[in-house]
Amino acid sequence: MNKTELVNAIAEKAQLTKVQAKAALEASLEAIAEELAKGEKVALIGFGTYSVVEKGERTGINPATKAKIVIPAKKSVKFKAGAELAAKVK
């Protein structure tokens, strides 16, 4: 499912126009992204939890030259499915 298909599904299930559904989806995604950018956790009960994790610096190998390289530390987004979502997927 891509973003357009998700907007169509939201519009149908919530009885909204596609324009309203797209605005609601974009506002939701923006709010989630803003909280994650601040380092906060976003918990959607029954669906899942988004959080930011620190990945430490590590050593890797350049596959083209086989030279060792240092991969810098970075922050990454982690998603953990909630119980209800996990039960539906089974």
Foldseek 3Di string as FASTA:
>chain_A
DDPQVVLVVQCVVVVHDSVVSSVVVVVVVVVCVVCQVVQHKDQDALFWIKGKDKDAKDWDADPVPRDIDIDHIDIDIDIDGHPNNVVVVD
